[in-house]
Amino acid sequence: MSRKRRNFSAKFKSDLVIDLLKGEKDLNTLATENNIQPNLLRNWKREFLNNASAVFDD
């Protein structure tokens, strides 16, 4: 029996990464509270920071 792959919205991902960057909660706490793997949140953070400069492109 296969598990269904979960899809997360861009808003959900960005909200979690912003919460992580605020530093009020650590990565493991945020991941546990949102029922995701810490590595997934770590990957989202890396992608968010790598693409942050695109916001200011013309």
PDB file of N, CA and C in Angstrom:
ATOM      1  N   MET A   1       0.840  -1.168   0.000  1.00  0.00           N
ATOM      2  CA  MET A   1       0.000   0.000   0.000  1.00  0.00           C
ATOM      3  C   MET A   1       0.896   1.245   0.000  1.00  0.00           C
ATOM      4  N   SER A   2       0.724   2.101  -0.955  1.00  0.00           N
ATOM      5  CA  SER A   2       1.579   3.275  -1.084  1.00  0.00           C
ATOM      6  C   SER A   2       0.954   4.476  -0.362  1.00  0.00           C
ATOM      7  N   ARG A   3       1.832   5.337   0.123  1.00  0.00           N
ATOM      8  CA  ARG A   3       1.374   6.553   0.784  1.00  0.00           C
ATOM      9  C   ARG A   3       1.215   7.648  -0.251  1.00  0.00           C
ATOM     10  N   LYS A   4       0.226   8.516  -0.022  1.00  0.00           N
ATOM     11  CA  LYS A   4       0.003   9.636  -0.914  1.00  0.00           C
ATOM     12  C   LYS A   4       0.998  10.746  -0.586  1.00  0.00           C
ATOM     13  N   ARG A   5       1.622  11.274  -1.591  1.00  0.00           N
ATOM     14  CA  ARG A   5       2.590  12.356  -1.423  1.00  0.00           C
ATOM     15  C   ARG A   5       1.847  13.646  -1.081  1.00  0.00           C
ATOM     16  N   ARG A   6       2.295  14.304  -0.024  1.00  0.00           N
ATOM     17  CA  ARG A   6       1.652  15.543   0.394  1.00  0.00           C
ATOM     18  C   ARG A   6       2.225  16.714  -0.393  1.00  0.00           C
ATOM     19  N   ASN A   7       1.366  17.670  -0.710  1.00  0.00           N
ATOM     20  CA  ASN A   7       1.779  18.897  -1.396  1.00  0.00           C
ATOM     21  C   ASN A   7       1.529  20.070  -0.463  1.00  0.00           C
ATOM     22  N   PHE A   8       2.507  20.936  -0.346  1.00  0.00           N
ATOM     23  CA  PHE A   8       2.395  22.096   0.521  1.00  0.00           C
ATOM     24  C   PHE A   8       2.363  23.351  -0.337  1.00  0.00           C
ATOM     25  N   SER A   9       1.533  24.287   0.063  1.00  0.00           N
ATOM     26  CA  SER A   9       1.419  25.536  -0.692  1.00  0.00           C
ATOM     27  C   SER A   9       2.655  26.400  -0.471  1.00  0.00           C
ATOM     28  N   ALA A  10       2.883  27.300  -1.397  1.00  0.00           N
ATOM     29  CA  ALA A  10       4.014  28.221  -1.277  1.00  0.00           C
ATOM     30  C   ALA A  10       3.847  29.102  -0.045  1.00  0.00           C
ATOM     31  N   LYS A  11       2.615  29.482   0.270  1.00  0.00           N
ATOM     32  CA  LYS A  11       2.363  30.316   1.455  1.00  0.00           C
ATOM     33  C   LYS A  11       2.729  29.561   2.730  1.00  0.00           C
ATOM     34  N   PHE A  12       2.351  28.304   2.817  1.00  0.00           N
ATOM     35  CA  PHE A  12       2.674  27.485   3.984  1.00  0.00           C
ATOM     36  C   PHE A  12       4.189  27.391   4.159  1.00  0.00           C
ATOM     37  N   LYS A  13       4.887  27.113   3.063  1.00  0.00           N
ATOM     38  CA  LYS A  13       6.340  26.987   3.112  1.00  0.00           C
ATOM     39  C   LYS A  13       6.993  28.296   3.544  1.00  0.00           C
ATOM     40  N   SER A  14       6.587  29.392   2.927  1.00  0.00           N
ATOM     41  CA  SER A  14       7.213  30.678   3.237  1.00  0.00           C
ATOM     42  C   SER A  14       6.897  31.119   4.662  1.00  0.00           C
ATOM     43  N   ASP A  15       5.687  30.858   5.132  1.00  0.00           N
ATOM     44  CA  ASP A  15       5.341  31.207   6.516  1.00  0.00           C
ATOM     45  C   ASP A  15       6.222  30.453   7.509  1.00  0.00           C
ATOM     46  N   LEU A  16       6.442  29.170   7.255  1.00  0.00           N
ATOM     47  CA  LEU A  16       7.294  28.383   8.154  1.00  0.00           C
ATOM     48  C   LEU A  16       8.741  28.865   8.112  1.00  0.00           C
ATOM     49  N   VAL A  17       9.242  29.154   6.926  1.00  0.00           N
ATOM     50  CA  VAL A  17      10.631  29.621   6.808  1.00  0.00           C
ATOM     51  C   VAL A  17      10.795  30.972   7.500  1.00  0.00           C
ATOM     52  N   ILE A  18       9.832  31.852   7.351  1.00  0.00           N
ATOM     53  CA  ILE A  18       9.903  33.155   8.017  1.00  0.00           C
ATOM     54  C   ILE A  18       9.872  32.977   9.534  1.00  0.00           C
ATOM     55  N   ASP A  19       9.020  32.082  10.018  1.00  0.00           N
ATOM     56  CA  ASP A  19       9.004  31.790  11.455  1.00  0.00           C
ATOM     57  C   ASP A  19      10.358  31.257  11.913  1.00  0.00           C
ATOM     58  N   LEU A  20      10.967  30.418  11.109  1.00  0.00           N
ATOM     59  CA  LEU A  20      12.276  29.866  11.438  1.00  0.00           C
ATOM     60  C   LEU A  20      13.338  30.959  11.474  1.00  0.00           C
ATOM     61  N   LEU A  21      13.294  31.862  10.506  1.00  0.00           N
ATOM     62  CA  LEU A  21      14.276  32.939  10.449  1.00  0.00           C
ATOM     63  C   LEU A  21      14.112  33.943  11.587  1.00  0.00           C
ATOM     64  N   LYS A  22      12.906  34.084  12.105  1.00  0.00           N
ATOM     65  CA  LYS A  22      12.677  34.973  13.243  1.00  0.00           C
ATOM     66  C   LYS A  22      13.441  34.492  14.472  1.00  0.00           C
ATOM     67  N   GLY A  23      13.643  33.193  14.566  1.00  0.00           N
ATOM     68  CA  GLY A  23      14.423  32.637  15.656  1.00  0.00           C
ATOM     69  C   GLY A  23      13.664  32.408  16.945  1.00  0.00           C
ATOM     70  N   GLU A  24      12.352  32.570  16.932  1.00  0.00           N
ATOM     71  CA  GLU A  24      11.572  32.354  18.146  1.00  0.00           C
ATOM     72  C   GLU A  24      11.472  30.871  18.493  1.00  0.00           C
ATOM     73  N   LYS A  25      11.478  30.022  17.470  1.00  0.00           N
ATOM     74  CA  LYS A  25      11.433  28.570  17.661  1.00  0.00           C
ATOM     75  C   LYS A  25      12.529  27.959  16.811  1.00  0.00           C
ATOM     76  N   ASP A  26      13.068  26.842  17.273  1.00  0.00           N
ATOM     77  CA  ASP A  26      14.113  26.192  16.491  1.00  0.00           C
ATOM     78  C   ASP A  26      13.499  25.296  15.413  1.00  0.00           C
ATOM     79  N   LEU A  27      14.350  24.827  14.548  1.00  0.00           N
ATOM     80  CA  LEU A  27      13.930  24.053  13.384  1.00  0.00           C
ATOM     81  C   LEU A  27      13.158  22.798  13.793  1.00  0.00           C
ATOM     82  N   ASN A  28      13.664  22.051  14.762  1.00  0.00           N
ATOM     83  CA  ASN A  28      13.008  20.805  15.170  1.00  0.00           C
ATOM     84  C   ASN A  28      11.634  21.055  15.768  1.00  0.00           C
ATOM     85  N   THR A  29      11.492  22.125  16.518  1.00  0.00           N
ATOM     86  CA  THR A  29      10.196  22.452  17.114  1.00  0.00           C
ATOM     87  C   THR A  29       9.175  22.794  16.039  1.00  0.00           C
ATOM     88  N   LEU A  30       9.562  23.639  15.098  1.00  0.00           N
ATOM     89  CA  LEU A  30       8.646  24.002  14.010  1.00  0.00           C
ATOM     90  C   LEU A  30       8.256  22.783  13.174  1.00  0.00           C
ATOM     91  N   ALA A  31       9.220  21.936  12.893  1.00  0.00           N
ATOM     92  CA  ALA A  31       8.939  20.741  12.097  1.00  0.00           C
ATOM     93  C   ALA A  31       7.965  19.818  12.822  1.00  0.00           C
ATOM     94  N   THR A  32       8.190  19.606  14.100  1.00  0.00           N
ATOM     95  CA  THR A  32       7.315  18.729  14.877  1.00  0.00           C
ATOM     96  C   THR A  32       5.907  19.303  14.973  1.00  0.00           C
ATOM     97  N   GLU A  33       5.803  20.589  15.235  1.00  0.00           N
ATOM     98  CA  GLU A  33       4.490  21.224  15.363  1.00  0.00           C
ATOM     99  C   GLU A  33       3.684  21.151  14.074  1.00  0.00           C
ATOM    100  N   ASN A  34       4.368  21.109  12.931  1.00  0.00           N
ATOM    101  CA  ASN A  34       3.689  21.102  11.636  1.00  0.00           C
ATOM    102  C   ASN A  34       3.715  19.745  10.955  1.00  0.00           C
ATOM    103  N   ASN A  35       4.175  18.735  11.695  1.00  0.00           N
ATOM    104  CA  ASN A  35       4.156  17.348  11.221  1.00  0.00           C
ATOM    105  C   ASN A  35       4.915  17.165   9.904  1.00  0.00           C
ATOM    106  N   ILE A  36       6.105  17.770   9.837  1.00  0.00           N
ATOM    107  CA  ILE A  36       6.984  17.589   8.679  1.00  0.00           C
ATOM    108  C   ILE A  36       8.368  17.192   9.179  1.00  0.00           C
ATOM    109  N   GLN A  37       9.186  16.699   8.276  1.00  0.00           N
ATOM    110  CA  GLN A  37      10.546  16.313   8.617  1.00  0.00           C
ATOM    111  C   GLN A  37      11.442  17.549   8.703  1.00  0.00           C
ATOM    112  N   PRO A  38      12.358  17.589   9.661  1.00  0.00           N
ATOM    113  CA  PRO A  38      13.270  18.725   9.774  1.00  0.00           C
ATOM    114  C   PRO A  38      14.070  18.984   8.501  1.00  0.00           C
ATOM    115  N   ASN A  39      14.479  17.922   7.804  1.00  0.00           N
ATOM    116  CA  ASN A  39      15.234  18.101   6.560  1.00  0.00           C
ATOM    117  C   ASN A  39      14.419  18.830   5.501  1.00  0.00           C
ATOM    118  N   LEU A  40      13.125  18.584   5.476  1.00  0.00           N
ATOM    119  CA  LEU A  40      12.257  19.260   4.514  1.00  0.00           C
ATOM    120  C   LEU A  40      12.243  20.759   4.790  1.00  0.00           C
ATOM    121  N   LEU A  41      12.109  21.125   6.050  1.00  0.00           N
ATOM    122  CA  LEU A  41      12.121  22.538   6.425  1.00  0.00           C
ATOM    123  C   LEU A  41      13.487  23.159   6.152  1.00  0.00           C
ATOM    124  N   ARG A  42      14.540  22.424   6.386  1.00  0.00           N
ATOM    125  CA  ARG A  42      15.899  22.899   6.101  1.00  0.00           C
ATOM    126  C   ARG A  42      16.071  23.160   4.603  1.00  0.00           C
ATOM    127  N   ASN A  43      15.539  22.282   3.779  1.00  0.00           N
ATOM    128  CA  ASN A  43      15.612  22.460   2.320  1.00  0.00           C
ATOM    129  C   ASN A  43      14.812  23.675   1.873  1.00  0.00           C
ATOM    130  N   TRP A  44      13.634  23.876   2.469  1.00  0.00           N
ATOM    131  CA  TRP A  44      12.820  25.037   2.129  1.00  0.00           C
ATOM    132  C   TRP A  44      13.544  26.323   2.503  1.00  0.00           C
ATOM    133  N   LYS A  45      14.215  26.331   3.635  1.00  0.00           N
ATOM    134  CA  LYS A  45      14.964  27.509   4.074  1.00  0.00           C
ATOM    135  C   LYS A  45      16.083  27.817   3.086  1.00  0.00           C
ATOM    136  N   ARG A  46      16.826  26.795   2.682  1.00  0.00           N
ATOM    137  CA  ARG A  46      17.922  26.978   1.734  1.00  0.00           C
ATOM    138  C   ARG A  46      17.399  27.529   0.412  1.00  0.00           C
ATOM    139  N   GLU A  47      16.312  26.976  -0.093  1.00  0.00           N
ATOM    140  CA  GLU A  47      15.723  27.437  -1.352  1.00  0.00           C
ATOM    141  C   GLU A  47      15.221  28.875  -1.221  1.00  0.00           C
ATOM    142  N   PHE A  48      14.610  29.191  -0.099  1.00  0.00           N
ATOM    143  CA  PHE A  48      14.104  30.543   0.159  1.00  0.00           C
ATOM    144  C   PHE A  48      15.242  31.553   0.135  1.00  0.00           C
ATOM    145  N   LEU A  49      16.326  31.258   0.829  1.00  0.00           N
ATOM    146  CA  LEU A  49      17.453  32.185   0.897  1.00  0.00           C
ATOM    147  C   LEU A  49      18.187  32.299  -0.437  1.00  0.00           C
ATOM    148  N   ASN A  50      18.287  31.198  -1.175  1.00  0.00           N
ATOM    149  CA  ASN A  50      18.953  31.226  -2.479  1.00  0.00           C
ATOM    150  C   ASN A  50      18.175  32.055  -3.497  1.00  0.00           C
ATOM    151  N   ASN A  51      16.859  32.111  -3.350  1.00  0.00           N
ATOM    152  CA  ASN A  51      16.016  32.821  -4.322  1.00  0.00           C
ATOM    153  C   ASN A  51      15.530  34.166  -3.818  1.00  0.00           C
ATOM    154  N   ALA A  52      15.986  34.596  -2.669  1.00  0.00           N
ATOM    155  CA  ALA A  52      15.519  35.857  -2.090  1.00  0.00           C
ATOM    156  C   ALA A  52      15.872  37.060  -2.969  1.00  0.00           C
ATOM    157  N   SER A  53      16.999  37.021  -3.619  1.00  0.00           N
ATOM    158  CA  SER A  53      17.414  38.174  -4.440  1.00  0.00           C
ATOM    159  C   SER A  53      16.496  38.353  -5.653  1.00  0.00           C
ATOM    160  N   ALA A  54      15.760  37.331  -6.060  1.00  0.00           N
ATOM    161  CA  ALA A  54      14.858  37.435  -7.204  1.00  0.00           C
ATOM    162  C   ALA A  54      13.737  38.430  -6.933  1.00  0.00           C
ATOM    163  N   VAL A  55      13.432  38.683  -5.681  1.00  0.00           N
ATOM    164  CA  VAL A  55      12.375  39.637  -5.332  1.00  0.00           C
ATOM    165  C   VAL A  55      12.737  41.028  -5.805  1.00  0.00           C
ATOM    166  N   PHE A  56      14.026  41.365  -5.813  1.00  0.00           N
ATOM    167  CA  PHE A  56      14.457  42.708  -6.148  1.00  0.00           C
ATOM    168  C   PHE A  56      14.928  42.860  -7.595  1.00  0.00           C
ATOM    169  N   ASP A  57      14.820  41.794  -8.385  1.00  0.00           N
ATOM    170  CA  ASP A  57      15.167  41.881  -9.806  1.00  0.00           C
ATOM    171  C   ASP A  57      14.125  42.702 -10.548  1.00  0.00           C
ATOM    172  N   ASP A  58      14.578  43.404 -11.568  1.00  0.00           N
ATOM    173  CA  ASP A  58      13.650  44.200 -12.378  1.00  0.00           C
ATOM    174  C   ASP A  58      12.910  43.323 -13.366  1.00  0.00           C
TER     175      ASP A  58
END
